[in-house]
Amino acid sequence: MIELKYNSDGLIPAIVQDHYTKKVLMLAYMNAESLDISIKEGFTCFYSRSRQELWRKGETSGNKQQIVSIRTDCDCDTLLIDVIKSGPACHTGSESCFFNDIVESDDEQFSYENLYKMLVGRKVEKKEGSYTTYLFEKGIDKILKKVGEECTEVIIAAKGGDKEETVFEIADLIYHITVMMIEQGITIDEVTAELAKRHIVDHKVKQEKMQ
């Protein structure tokens, strides 16, 4: 049994991160009681240092955090909690509480999440000369036509055995599918959650076959 090291106030910091993206969502504090509640209920419960009372995340906002795992660091004085979130983590409505840059990199690392956000921006801001904006302005029929065309291009490239060309066409397809998702109001979290369900089902089926 791991013995956690609480501070002099009986608290331990808890870093909460998104289970799927591993993005840090927030930092809060737990005491022994709130940790016990979190484990038993399966949703995060913290201790408010300002109000000096327990609080269940999402109790009033509905933005609950379902716990996937709880780990501790090497010194056993900090918790890392993986969660599946049902809404923004921050009271401001932001996905994460960490959005104020002190030092900002000029070379932002590419991620699918950043691509999604950029494409959303093209739909909202309608940047002149943008191909993405053009697709949004033409509407769902044009977007679906492009998705169909890119599907065909992927098949042709893969059938031809050209790996480099296939990768190129897959990237085109993913881009157009992402535009379609945004047009239809489909989020990355929704697709990821669906894939997670299938993983669980597949795992259970495999277990049943082995028994």
N, C-alpha and C. Protein backbone atom coordinates (compact mmCIF):
# COMPACT_ATOMS: atom_id res chain seq x y z
N MET A 1 0.85 -1.20 0.00
CA MET A 1 0.00 0.00 0.00
C MET A 1 0.89 1.25 0.00
N ILE A 2 0.64 2.16 -0.93
CA ILE A 2 1.43 3.38 -1.04
C ILE A 2 1.00 4.36 0.05
N GLU A 3 1.97 4.92 0.75
CA GLU A 3 1.68 5.91 1.78
C GLU A 3 1.93 7.31 1.20
N LEU A 4 0.86 8.05 1.03
CA LEU A 4 0.96 9.39 0.46
C LEU A 4 1.48 10.39 1.48
N LYS A 5 2.18 11.40 0.98
CA LYS A 5 2.72 12.44 1.85
C LYS A 5 1.88 13.71 1.70
N TYR A 6 1.00 13.94 2.65
CA TYR A 6 0.20 15.16 2.66
C TYR A 6 1.01 16.28 3.30
N ASN A 7 0.70 17.53 2.93
CA ASN A 7 1.43 18.65 3.53
C ASN A 7 0.92 18.93 4.94
N SER A 8 1.43 20.00 5.56
CA SER A 8 1.08 20.30 6.95
C SER A 8 -0.40 20.59 7.14
N ASP A 9 -1.11 20.94 6.04
CA ASP A 9 -2.55 21.19 6.12
C ASP A 9 -3.36 19.94 5.79
N GLY A 10 -2.66 18.83 5.60
CA GLY A 10 -3.35 17.59 5.28
C GLY A 10 -3.80 17.50 3.83
N LEU A 11 -3.13 18.25 2.96
CA LEU A 11 -3.52 18.30 1.55
C LEU A 11 -2.41 17.78 0.64
N ILE A 12 -2.83 17.34 -0.55
CA ILE A 12 -1.88 16.88 -1.54
C ILE A 12 -2.32 17.45 -2.90
N PRO A 13 -1.39 18.04 -3.67
CA PRO A 13 -1.77 18.59 -4.98
C PRO A 13 -2.14 17.48 -5.95
N ALA A 14 -3.16 17.74 -6.78
CA ALA A 14 -3.63 16.77 -7.77
C ALA A 14 -3.64 17.42 -9.15
N ILE A 15 -2.79 16.92 -10.02
CA ILE A 15 -2.77 17.39 -11.41
C ILE A 15 -3.76 16.54 -12.21
N VAL A 16 -4.68 17.21 -12.88
CA VAL A 16 -5.71 16.50 -13.65
C VAL A 16 -5.40 16.66 -15.14
N GLN A 17 -5.36 15.54 -15.86
CA GLN A 17 -5.09 15.60 -17.29
C GLN A 17 -6.12 14.80 -18.07
N ASP A 18 -6.33 15.21 -19.32
CA ASP A 18 -7.27 14.52 -20.20
C ASP A 18 -6.73 13.14 -20.55
N HIS A 19 -7.55 12.13 -20.37
CA HIS A 19 -7.13 10.75 -20.61
C HIS A 19 -6.72 10.52 -22.05
N TYR A 20 -7.41 11.17 -22.99
CA TYR A 20 -7.17 10.91 -24.40
C TYR A 20 -6.02 11.75 -24.96
N THR A 21 -6.02 13.04 -24.66
CA THR A 21 -5.01 13.93 -25.25
C THR A 21 -3.80 14.13 -24.35
N LYS A 22 -3.92 13.77 -23.07
CA LYS A 22 -2.87 13.97 -22.06
C LYS A 22 -2.61 15.46 -21.79
N LYS A 23 -3.52 16.30 -22.20
CA LYS A 23 -3.40 17.73 -21.92
C LYS A 23 -3.72 18.01 -20.46
N VAL A 24 -2.89 18.82 -19.81
CA VAL A 24 -3.14 19.17 -18.40
C VAL A 24 -4.37 20.08 -18.34
N LEU A 25 -5.33 19.71 -17.52
CA LEU A 25 -6.59 20.45 -17.42
C LEU A 25 -6.62 21.41 -16.24
N MET A 26 -6.10 20.98 -15.10
CA MET A 26 -6.19 21.81 -13.91
C MET A 26 -5.29 21.27 -12.80
N LEU A 27 -5.08 22.10 -11.79
CA LEU A 27 -4.39 21.69 -10.57
C LEU A 27 -5.29 22.02 -9.40
N ALA A 28 -5.57 21.04 -8.57
CA ALA A 28 -6.40 21.25 -7.38
C ALA A 28 -5.77 20.50 -6.22
N TYR A 29 -6.45 20.52 -5.09
CA TYR A 29 -5.92 19.84 -3.90
C TYR A 29 -6.93 18.83 -3.36
N MET A 30 -6.41 17.77 -2.79
CA MET A 30 -7.23 16.75 -2.15
C MET A 30 -6.75 16.52 -0.73
N ASN A 31 -7.68 16.16 0.13
CA ASN A 31 -7.27 15.61 1.42
C ASN A 31 -7.65 14.13 1.41
N ALA A 32 -7.43 13.46 2.50
CA ALA A 32 -7.67 12.01 2.53
C ALA A 32 -9.14 11.69 2.25
N GLU A 33 -10.02 12.54 2.76
CA GLU A 33 -11.46 12.29 2.58
C GLU A 33 -11.88 12.47 1.12
N SER A 34 -11.43 13.57 0.49
CA SER A 34 -11.83 13.81 -0.89
C SER A 34 -11.23 12.76 -1.83
N LEU A 35 -10.03 12.30 -1.53
CA LEU A 35 -9.42 11.24 -2.34
C LEU A 35 -10.23 9.95 -2.20
N ASP A 36 -10.65 9.65 -0.99
CA ASP A 36 -11.45 8.45 -0.75
C ASP A 36 -12.78 8.52 -1.50
N ILE A 37 -13.41 9.70 -1.48
CA ILE A 37 -14.67 9.90 -2.20
C ILE A 37 -14.44 9.74 -3.70
N SER A 38 -13.34 10.31 -4.19
CA SER A 38 -13.03 10.22 -5.62
C SER A 38 -12.88 8.78 -6.07
N ILE A 39 -12.19 7.99 -5.26
CA ILE A 39 -11.97 6.58 -5.59
C ILE A 39 -13.28 5.80 -5.54
N LYS A 40 -14.09 6.04 -4.53
CA LYS A 40 -15.35 5.30 -4.36
C LYS A 40 -16.39 5.68 -5.41
N GLU A 41 -16.49 6.98 -5.74
CA GLU A 41 -17.52 7.45 -6.67
C GLU A 41 -17.06 7.40 -8.13
N GLY A 42 -15.75 7.41 -8.35
CA GLY A 42 -15.23 7.36 -9.71
C GLY A 42 -15.19 8.69 -10.41
N PHE A 43 -15.45 9.77 -9.68
CA PHE A 43 -15.39 11.12 -10.21
C PHE A 43 -14.58 12.00 -9.26
N THR A 44 -13.90 13.02 -9.81
CA THR A 44 -13.02 13.83 -8.98
C THR A 44 -13.77 14.64 -7.92
N CYS A 45 -13.21 14.61 -6.74
CA CYS A 45 -13.70 15.41 -5.62
C CYS A 45 -12.47 16.04 -4.98
N PHE A 46 -12.52 17.34 -4.75
CA PHE A 46 -11.36 18.06 -4.24
C PHE A 46 -11.67 18.75 -2.92
N TYR A 47 -10.62 19.38 -2.37
CA TYR A 47 -10.79 20.18 -1.16
C TYR A 47 -10.46 21.63 -1.49
N SER A 48 -11.39 22.54 -1.21
CA SER A 48 -11.18 23.96 -1.49
C SER A 48 -10.44 24.60 -0.33
N ARG A 49 -9.27 25.16 -0.62
CA ARG A 49 -8.49 25.81 0.43
C ARG A 49 -9.12 27.14 0.84
N SER A 50 -9.78 27.81 -0.10
CA SER A 50 -10.39 29.11 0.22
C SER A 50 -11.68 28.95 1.02
N ARG A 51 -12.50 27.97 0.63
CA ARG A 51 -13.77 27.74 1.33
C ARG A 51 -13.64 26.74 2.46
N GLN A 52 -12.51 26.02 2.46
CA GLN A 52 -12.25 25.00 3.47
C GLN A 52 -13.37 23.98 3.54
N GLU A 53 -13.68 23.43 2.36
CA GLU A 53 -14.71 22.40 2.29
C GLU A 53 -14.50 21.53 1.06
N LEU A 54 -15.12 20.36 1.05
CA LEU A 54 -15.03 19.47 -0.09
C LEU A 54 -15.86 20.02 -1.25
N TRP A 55 -15.42 19.74 -2.48
CA TRP A 55 -16.25 20.08 -3.64
C TRP A 55 -16.06 19.06 -4.74
N ARG A 56 -17.18 18.60 -5.27
CA ARG A 56 -17.18 17.63 -6.36
C ARG A 56 -17.16 18.39 -7.68
N LYS A 57 -16.18 18.11 -8.50
CA LYS A 57 -16.05 18.80 -9.78
C LYS A 57 -17.30 18.54 -10.63
N GLY A 58 -17.92 19.64 -11.10
CA GLY A 58 -19.09 19.52 -11.96
C GLY A 58 -20.41 19.37 -11.24
N GLU A 59 -20.38 19.49 -9.92
CA GLU A 59 -21.61 19.31 -9.14
C GLU A 59 -22.67 20.34 -9.52
N THR A 60 -22.24 21.56 -9.83
CA THR A 60 -23.18 22.60 -10.23
C THR A 60 -23.13 22.88 -11.73
N SER A 61 -21.94 22.78 -12.34
CA SER A 61 -21.79 23.08 -13.76
C SER A 61 -22.13 21.91 -14.67
N GLY A 62 -22.03 20.71 -14.13
CA GLY A 62 -22.24 19.52 -14.94
C GLY A 62 -20.97 19.04 -15.63
N ASN A 63 -19.89 19.78 -15.46
CA ASN A 63 -18.61 19.44 -16.11
C ASN A 63 -17.83 18.44 -15.26
N LYS A 64 -18.35 17.26 -15.15
CA LYS A 64 -17.74 16.24 -14.30
C LYS A 64 -16.52 15.62 -14.95
N GLN A 65 -15.70 14.98 -14.12
CA GLN A 65 -14.48 14.32 -14.58
C GLN A 65 -14.49 12.88 -14.10
N GLN A 66 -14.71 11.97 -15.04
CA GLN A 66 -14.70 10.55 -14.70
C GLN A 66 -13.27 10.05 -14.60
N ILE A 67 -12.94 9.44 -13.51
CA ILE A 67 -11.56 9.01 -13.25
C ILE A 67 -11.22 7.72 -13.99
N VAL A 68 -10.10 7.75 -14.71
CA VAL A 68 -9.59 6.56 -15.38
C VAL A 68 -8.47 5.94 -14.55
N SER A 69 -7.58 6.79 -14.04
CA SER A 69 -6.48 6.30 -13.22
C SER A 69 -5.98 7.40 -12.28
N ILE A 70 -5.38 6.98 -11.18
CA ILE A 70 -4.75 7.90 -10.24
C ILE A 70 -3.35 7.37 -9.94
N ARG A 71 -2.35 8.19 -10.18
CA ARG A 71 -0.97 7.80 -9.92
C ARG A 71 -0.31 8.83 -9.03
N THR A 72 0.79 8.45 -8.44
CA THR A 72 1.57 9.38 -7.63
C THR A 72 2.98 9.47 -8.18
N ASP A 73 3.67 10.55 -7.83
CA ASP A 73 5.05 10.72 -8.30
C ASP A 73 6.00 9.91 -7.43
N CYS A 74 7.29 10.03 -7.73
CA CYS A 74 8.30 9.22 -7.03
C CYS A 74 8.38 9.55 -5.54
N ASP A 75 8.02 10.80 -5.17
CA ASP A 75 8.07 11.20 -3.76
C ASP A 75 6.75 10.98 -3.03
N CYS A 76 5.76 10.54 -3.76
CA CYS A 76 4.43 10.27 -3.20
C CYS A 76 3.79 11.52 -2.57
N ASP A 77 4.12 12.71 -3.12
CA ASP A 77 3.55 13.94 -2.57
C ASP A 77 2.74 14.74 -3.60
N THR A 78 2.50 14.12 -4.77
CA THR A 78 1.69 14.73 -5.81
C THR A 78 0.92 13.64 -6.55
N LEU A 79 -0.34 13.94 -6.90
CA LEU A 79 -1.16 12.98 -7.63
C LEU A 79 -1.30 13.40 -9.09
N LEU A 80 -1.38 12.42 -9.98
CA LEU A 80 -1.67 12.65 -11.39
C LEU A 80 -2.92 11.84 -11.71
N ILE A 81 -3.99 12.55 -12.11
CA ILE A 81 -5.28 11.90 -12.32
C ILE A 81 -5.68 12.01 -13.79
N ASP A 82 -5.85 10.87 -14.44
CA ASP A 82 -6.36 10.82 -15.81
C ASP A 82 -7.87 10.79 -15.76
N VAL A 83 -8.51 11.67 -16.53
CA VAL A 83 -9.98 11.72 -16.50
C VAL A 83 -10.57 11.78 -17.90
N ILE A 84 -11.81 11.36 -17.99
CA ILE A 84 -12.62 11.60 -19.19
C ILE A 84 -13.57 12.72 -18.82
N LYS A 85 -13.39 13.87 -19.43
CA LYS A 85 -14.15 15.06 -19.03
C LYS A 85 -15.46 15.16 -19.80
N SER A 86 -16.45 15.74 -19.15
CA SER A 86 -17.74 15.95 -19.81
C SER A 86 -17.97 17.43 -20.10
N GLY A 87 -16.92 18.25 -19.98
CA GLY A 87 -17.03 19.67 -20.24
C GLY A 87 -15.74 20.37 -19.89
N PRO A 88 -15.69 21.69 -20.03
CA PRO A 88 -14.49 22.46 -19.72
C PRO A 88 -14.03 22.26 -18.27
N ALA A 89 -12.72 22.30 -18.07
CA ALA A 89 -12.19 22.14 -16.72
C ALA A 89 -12.18 23.46 -15.96
N CYS A 90 -12.01 24.56 -16.69
CA CYS A 90 -11.84 25.87 -16.05
C CYS A 90 -13.19 26.58 -15.85
N HIS A 91 -13.30 27.34 -14.76
CA HIS A 91 -14.53 28.08 -14.48
C HIS A 91 -14.77 29.19 -15.51
N THR A 92 -13.72 29.53 -16.28
CA THR A 92 -13.87 30.56 -17.31
C THR A 92 -14.53 30.00 -18.57
N GLY A 93 -14.67 28.68 -18.62
CA GLY A 93 -15.21 28.04 -19.81
C GLY A 93 -14.14 27.50 -20.73
N SER A 94 -12.88 27.73 -20.37
CA SER A 94 -11.77 27.21 -21.16
C SER A 94 -11.61 25.71 -20.89
N GLU A 95 -11.13 25.00 -21.90
CA GLU A 95 -10.92 23.56 -21.77
C GLU A 95 -9.94 23.25 -20.65
N SER A 96 -8.90 24.06 -20.55
CA SER A 96 -7.87 23.90 -19.53
C SER A 96 -7.70 25.20 -18.75
N CYS A 97 -7.29 25.07 -17.49
CA CYS A 97 -7.01 26.27 -16.68
C CYS A 97 -5.70 26.92 -17.09
N PHE A 98 -4.87 26.20 -17.85
CA PHE A 98 -3.56 26.70 -18.23
C PHE A 98 -3.60 27.27 -19.64
N PHE A 99 -3.94 28.55 -19.75
CA PHE A 99 -4.02 29.18 -21.07
C PHE A 99 -3.33 30.54 -21.14
N ASN A 100 -2.72 30.98 -20.06
CA ASN A 100 -1.99 32.26 -20.06
C ASN A 100 -0.51 32.00 -20.30
N ASP A 101 -0.01 32.47 -21.45
CA ASP A 101 1.39 32.24 -21.81
C ASP A 101 2.32 33.24 -21.12
N ILE A 102 3.34 32.72 -20.47
CA ILE A 102 4.41 33.57 -19.92
C ILE A 102 5.55 33.60 -20.93
N VAL A 103 5.92 32.43 -21.41
CA VAL A 103 6.89 32.31 -22.49
C VAL A 103 6.21 31.50 -23.59
N GLU A 104 6.05 32.08 -24.75
CA GLU A 104 5.35 31.42 -25.85
C GLU A 104 6.32 31.06 -26.95
N SER A 105 6.27 29.82 -27.38
CA SER A 105 7.15 29.37 -28.45
C SER A 105 6.66 29.90 -29.79
N ASP A 106 7.59 30.36 -30.61
CA ASP A 106 7.25 30.81 -31.95
C ASP A 106 7.00 29.63 -32.88
N ASP A 107 7.54 28.48 -32.49
CA ASP A 107 7.42 27.28 -33.31
C ASP A 107 6.50 26.30 -32.60
N GLU A 108 5.20 26.50 -32.76
CA GLU A 108 4.23 25.65 -32.07
C GLU A 108 4.23 24.26 -32.69
N GLN A 109 4.33 23.25 -31.85
CA GLN A 109 4.37 21.88 -32.33
C GLN A 109 3.02 21.49 -32.93
N PHE A 110 3.06 20.79 -34.04
CA PHE A 110 1.82 20.38 -34.69
C PHE A 110 1.12 19.32 -33.87
N SER A 111 -0.19 19.43 -33.82
CA SER A 111 -1.02 18.38 -33.24
C SER A 111 -2.36 18.40 -33.95
N TYR A 112 -3.05 17.28 -33.91
CA TYR A 112 -4.35 17.22 -34.56
C TYR A 112 -5.33 18.18 -33.89
N GLU A 113 -5.21 18.32 -32.57
CA GLU A 113 -6.08 19.24 -31.83
C GLU A 113 -5.88 20.67 -32.32
N ASN A 114 -4.61 21.07 -32.55
CA ASN A 114 -4.33 22.42 -33.04
C ASN A 114 -4.84 22.61 -34.47
N LEU A 115 -4.74 21.56 -35.28
CA LEU A 115 -5.29 21.63 -36.63
C LEU A 115 -6.80 21.84 -36.57
N TYR A 116 -7.46 21.10 -35.71
CA TYR A 116 -8.93 21.21 -35.56
C TYR A 116 -9.30 22.64 -35.17
N LYS A 117 -8.57 23.20 -34.19
CA LYS A 117 -8.86 24.56 -33.74
C LYS A 117 -8.64 25.58 -34.86
N MET A 118 -7.57 25.36 -35.64
CA MET A 118 -7.28 26.29 -36.74
C MET A 118 -8.40 26.26 -37.77
N LEU A 119 -8.90 25.05 -38.08
CA LEU A 119 -9.97 24.91 -39.06
C LEU A 119 -11.27 25.52 -38.55
N VAL A 120 -11.52 25.38 -37.24
CA VAL A 120 -12.68 26.04 -36.64
C VAL A 120 -12.58 27.55 -36.84
N GLY A 121 -11.35 28.06 -36.67
CA GLY A 121 -11.11 29.49 -36.86
C GLY A 121 -11.42 29.94 -38.29
N ARG A 122 -11.13 29.08 -39.26
CA ARG A 122 -11.42 29.42 -40.65
C ARG A 122 -12.93 29.49 -40.90
N LYS A 123 -13.67 28.70 -40.17
CA LYS A 123 -15.13 28.71 -40.32
C LYS A 123 -15.72 29.97 -39.68
N VAL A 124 -15.14 30.37 -38.54
CA VAL A 124 -15.66 31.52 -37.80
C VAL A 124 -15.20 32.84 -38.43
N GLU A 125 -13.89 32.93 -38.71
CA GLU A 125 -13.32 34.20 -39.18
C GLU A 125 -13.44 34.38 -40.70
N LYS A 126 -13.61 33.28 -41.43
CA LYS A 126 -13.75 33.31 -42.89
C LYS A 126 -12.62 34.11 -43.55
N LYS A 127 -11.40 33.62 -43.36
CA LYS A 127 -10.22 34.27 -43.91
C LYS A 127 -10.25 34.27 -45.43
N GLU A 128 -10.05 35.44 -46.02
CA GLU A 128 -10.10 35.58 -47.47
C GLU A 128 -8.96 34.80 -48.13
N GLY A 129 -9.31 34.06 -49.18
CA GLY A 129 -8.31 33.29 -49.91
C GLY A 129 -8.04 31.92 -49.33
N SER A 130 -8.68 31.58 -48.21
CA SER A 130 -8.47 30.29 -47.56
C SER A 130 -9.31 29.21 -48.23
N TYR A 131 -8.68 28.10 -48.57
CA TYR A 131 -9.40 26.97 -49.17
C TYR A 131 -10.41 26.40 -48.19
N THR A 132 -10.02 26.37 -46.92
CA THR A 132 -10.92 25.85 -45.89
C THR A 132 -12.17 26.72 -45.78
N THR A 133 -11.98 28.02 -45.77
CA THR A 133 -13.12 28.94 -45.74
C THR A 133 -14.01 28.72 -46.96
N TYR A 134 -13.39 28.50 -48.11
CA TYR A 134 -14.13 28.24 -49.35
C TYR A 134 -15.03 27.01 -49.18
N LEU A 135 -14.50 25.95 -48.59
CA LEU A 135 -15.29 24.74 -48.38
C LEU A 135 -16.49 25.01 -47.46
N PHE A 136 -16.23 25.74 -46.37
CA PHE A 136 -17.32 26.05 -45.44
C PHE A 136 -18.40 26.90 -46.12
N GLU A 137 -17.98 27.83 -46.96
CA GLU A 137 -18.94 28.69 -47.64
C GLU A 137 -19.77 27.90 -48.65
N LYS A 138 -19.16 26.90 -49.29
CA LYS A 138 -19.89 26.07 -50.27
C LYS A 138 -20.87 25.13 -49.58
N GLY A 139 -20.54 24.73 -48.34
CA GLY A 139 -21.48 23.91 -47.59
C GLY A 139 -21.20 22.42 -47.61
N ILE A 140 -22.10 21.69 -46.96
CA ILE A 140 -21.87 20.26 -46.70
C ILE A 140 -21.80 19.43 -47.98
N ASP A 141 -22.57 19.76 -49.01
CA ASP A 141 -22.53 18.96 -50.25
C ASP A 141 -21.15 18.99 -50.89
N LYS A 142 -20.55 20.19 -50.94
CA LYS A 142 -19.21 20.32 -51.51
C LYS A 142 -18.19 19.58 -50.65
N ILE A 143 -18.32 19.71 -49.33
CA ILE A 143 -17.38 19.05 -48.42
C ILE A 143 -17.47 17.54 -48.57
N LEU A 144 -18.67 17.00 -48.63
CA LEU A 144 -18.85 15.56 -48.77
C LEU A 144 -18.33 15.06 -50.11
N LYS A 145 -18.49 15.87 -51.15
CA LYS A 145 -17.96 15.51 -52.47
C LYS A 145 -16.44 15.36 -52.40
N LYS A 146 -15.78 16.29 -51.70
CA LYS A 146 -14.33 16.22 -51.55
C LYS A 146 -13.91 15.02 -50.71
N VAL A 147 -14.67 14.72 -49.66
CA VAL A 147 -14.37 13.55 -48.84
C VAL A 147 -14.43 12.28 -49.70
N GLY A 148 -15.47 12.19 -50.53
CA GLY A 148 -15.61 11.03 -51.42
C GLY A 148 -14.45 10.92 -52.40
N GLU A 149 -14.05 12.06 -52.97
CA GLU A 149 -12.94 12.07 -53.92
C GLU A 149 -11.64 11.62 -53.25
N GLU A 150 -11.41 12.12 -52.03
CA GLU A 150 -10.17 11.77 -51.34
C GLU A 150 -10.16 10.31 -50.92
N CYS A 151 -11.32 9.76 -50.59
CA CYS A 151 -11.41 8.32 -50.27
C CYS A 151 -10.94 7.50 -51.48
N THR A 152 -11.41 7.90 -52.65
CA THR A 152 -11.03 7.21 -53.88
C THR A 152 -9.53 7.33 -54.13
N GLU A 153 -8.97 8.51 -53.88
CA GLU A 153 -7.53 8.73 -54.08
C GLU A 153 -6.70 7.85 -53.14
N VAL A 154 -7.17 7.67 -51.91
CA VAL A 154 -6.47 6.81 -50.96
C VAL A 154 -6.47 5.37 -51.46
N ILE A 155 -7.61 4.92 -51.94
CA ILE A 155 -7.73 3.54 -52.44
C ILE A 155 -6.81 3.32 -53.63
N ILE A 156 -6.79 4.26 -54.56
CA ILE A 156 -5.94 4.13 -55.75
C ILE A 156 -4.46 4.09 -55.37
N ALA A 157 -4.06 4.99 -54.47
CA ALA A 157 -2.66 5.04 -54.05
C ALA A 157 -2.25 3.77 -53.32
N ALA A 158 -3.12 3.29 -52.43
CA ALA A 158 -2.81 2.08 -51.67
C ALA A 158 -2.76 0.85 -52.57
N LYS A 159 -3.69 0.79 -53.52
CA LYS A 159 -3.71 -0.34 -54.46
C LYS A 159 -2.46 -0.34 -55.32
N GLY A 160 -1.95 0.84 -55.61
CA GLY A 160 -0.74 0.94 -56.42
C GLY A 160 0.53 0.63 -55.64
N GLY A 161 0.41 0.51 -54.33
CA GLY A 161 1.57 0.14 -53.52
C GLY A 161 2.57 1.25 -53.30
N ASP A 162 2.14 2.48 -53.57
CA ASP A 162 3.03 3.63 -53.39
C ASP A 162 2.80 4.20 -51.98
N LYS A 163 3.70 3.89 -51.06
CA LYS A 163 3.52 4.29 -49.67
C LYS A 163 3.50 5.81 -49.50
N GLU A 164 4.47 6.49 -50.14
CA GLU A 164 4.56 7.94 -50.00
C GLU A 164 3.29 8.63 -50.51
N GLU A 165 2.81 8.18 -51.65
CA GLU A 165 1.58 8.74 -52.23
C GLU A 165 0.38 8.43 -51.35
N THR A 166 0.36 7.22 -50.78
CA THR A 166 -0.75 6.83 -49.91
C THR A 166 -0.80 7.71 -48.66
N VAL A 167 0.36 7.96 -48.07
CA VAL A 167 0.43 8.84 -46.89
C VAL A 167 -0.08 10.23 -47.25
N PHE A 168 0.32 10.73 -48.40
CA PHE A 168 -0.11 12.05 -48.88
C PHE A 168 -1.63 12.11 -49.01
N GLU A 169 -2.20 11.08 -49.60
CA GLU A 169 -3.65 11.05 -49.82
C GLU A 169 -4.42 10.85 -48.51
N ILE A 170 -3.85 10.07 -47.59
CA ILE A 170 -4.48 9.90 -46.28
C ILE A 170 -4.56 11.23 -45.55
N ALA A 171 -3.47 12.01 -45.63
CA ALA A 171 -3.46 13.32 -44.99
C ALA A 171 -4.54 14.21 -45.59
N ASP A 172 -4.71 14.17 -46.91
CA ASP A 172 -5.76 14.94 -47.57
C ASP A 172 -7.14 14.50 -47.07
N LEU A 173 -7.31 13.19 -46.95
CA LEU A 173 -8.60 12.66 -46.50
C LEU A 173 -8.91 13.08 -45.07
N ILE A 174 -7.91 12.98 -44.19
CA ILE A 174 -8.11 13.37 -42.79
C ILE A 174 -8.47 14.85 -42.70
N TYR A 175 -7.80 15.67 -43.49
CA TYR A 175 -8.10 17.10 -43.51
C TYR A 175 -9.56 17.34 -43.88
N HIS A 176 -10.01 16.72 -44.98
CA HIS A 176 -11.37 16.95 -45.44
C HIS A 176 -12.40 16.35 -44.48
N ILE A 177 -12.08 15.22 -43.86
CA ILE A 177 -12.98 14.65 -42.86
C ILE A 177 -13.10 15.58 -41.66
N THR A 178 -11.98 16.22 -41.29
CA THR A 178 -12.01 17.16 -40.18
C THR A 178 -12.89 18.37 -40.48
N VAL A 179 -12.79 18.86 -41.72
CA VAL A 179 -13.66 19.96 -42.14
C VAL A 179 -15.12 19.53 -42.05
N MET A 180 -15.40 18.30 -42.47
CA MET A 180 -16.77 17.76 -42.39
C MET A 180 -17.24 17.68 -40.94
N MET A 181 -16.35 17.22 -40.06
CA MET A 181 -16.69 17.12 -38.63
C MET A 181 -17.11 18.49 -38.09
N ILE A 182 -16.31 19.50 -38.39
CA ILE A 182 -16.59 20.84 -37.89
C ILE A 182 -17.91 21.37 -38.46
N GLU A 183 -18.13 21.12 -39.74
CA GLU A 183 -19.38 21.57 -40.37
C GLU A 183 -20.59 20.90 -39.72
N GLN A 184 -20.41 19.65 -39.27
CA GLN A 184 -21.50 18.89 -38.66
C GLN A 184 -21.56 19.05 -37.14
N GLY A 185 -20.62 19.83 -36.59
CA GLY A 185 -20.60 20.05 -35.14
C GLY A 185 -20.09 18.85 -34.35
N ILE A 186 -19.25 18.04 -34.97
CA ILE A 186 -18.69 16.85 -34.32
C ILE A 186 -17.32 17.19 -33.74
N THR A 187 -17.11 16.88 -32.48
CA THR A 187 -15.85 17.20 -31.83
C THR A 187 -14.88 16.02 -31.83
N ILE A 188 -13.62 16.32 -31.59
CA ILE A 188 -12.60 15.26 -31.48
C ILE A 188 -12.93 14.35 -30.31
N ASP A 189 -13.38 14.93 -29.20
CA ASP A 189 -13.70 14.15 -28.01
C ASP A 189 -14.79 13.12 -28.29
N GLU A 190 -15.78 13.49 -29.09
CA GLU A 190 -16.88 12.57 -29.40
C GLU A 190 -16.38 11.38 -30.21
N VAL A 191 -15.52 11.64 -31.19
CA VAL A 191 -14.97 10.56 -32.00
C VAL A 191 -14.05 9.68 -31.16
N THR A 192 -13.23 10.32 -30.32
CA THR A 192 -12.31 9.57 -29.46
C THR A 192 -13.07 8.69 -28.49
N ALA A 193 -14.15 9.21 -27.93
CA ALA A 193 -14.98 8.43 -26.98
C ALA A 193 -15.59 7.22 -27.67
N GLU A 194 -16.00 7.40 -28.92
CA GLU A 194 -16.58 6.29 -29.68
C GLU A 194 -15.53 5.21 -29.93
N LEU A 195 -14.31 5.63 -30.28
CA LEU A 195 -13.23 4.67 -30.50
C LEU A 195 -12.89 3.94 -29.21
N ALA A 196 -12.95 4.67 -28.08
CA ALA A 196 -12.66 4.05 -26.79
C ALA A 196 -13.68 2.97 -26.46
N LYS A 197 -14.95 3.23 -26.78
CA LYS A 197 -16.01 2.23 -26.55
C LYS A 197 -15.72 0.97 -27.35
N ARG A 198 -15.30 1.14 -28.58
CA ARG A 198 -15.03 -0.01 -29.44
C ARG A 198 -13.83 -0.81 -28.92
N HIS A 199 -12.85 -0.10 -28.38
CA HIS A 199 -11.67 -0.77 -27.81
C HIS A 199 -12.09 -1.65 -26.64
N ILE A 200 -12.97 -1.11 -25.79
CA ILE A 200 -13.44 -1.86 -24.62
C ILE A 200 -14.24 -3.09 -25.05
N VAL A 201 -15.12 -2.90 -26.04
CA VAL A 201 -15.93 -4.02 -26.53
C VAL A 201 -15.04 -5.09 -27.13
N ASP A 202 -14.07 -4.68 -27.93
CA ASP A 202 -13.15 -5.62 -28.56
C ASP A 202 -12.37 -6.40 -27.51
N HIS A 203 -11.96 -5.70 -26.46
CA HIS A 203 -11.20 -6.34 -25.38
C HIS A 203 -12.04 -7.40 -24.69
N LYS A 204 -13.31 -7.09 -24.45
CA LYS A 204 -14.20 -8.02 -23.78
C LYS A 204 -14.47 -9.25 -24.64
N VAL A 205 -14.62 -9.00 -25.96
CA VAL A 205 -14.87 -10.11 -26.88
C VAL A 205 -13.69 -11.06 -26.90
N LYS A 206 -12.48 -10.49 -26.92
CA LYS A 206 -11.27 -11.31 -26.91
C LYS A 206 -11.17 -12.13 -25.63
N GLN A 207 -11.55 -11.53 -24.50
CA GLN A 207 -11.51 -12.24 -23.23
C GLN A 207 -12.47 -13.41 -23.23
N GLU A 208 -13.67 -13.19 -23.80
CA GLU A 208 -14.68 -14.23 -23.84
C GLU A 208 -14.21 -15.41 -24.70
N LYS A 209 -13.51 -15.13 -25.80
CA LYS A 209 -13.03 -16.18 -26.68
C LYS A 209 -11.94 -17.01 -26.02
N MET A 210 -11.15 -16.35 -25.15
CA MET A 210 -10.04 -17.04 -24.50
C MET A 210 -10.50 -17.94 -23.38
N GLN A 211 -11.67 -17.68 -22.81
CA GLN A 211 -12.16 -18.46 -21.67
C GLN A 211 -12.67 -19.83 -22.11
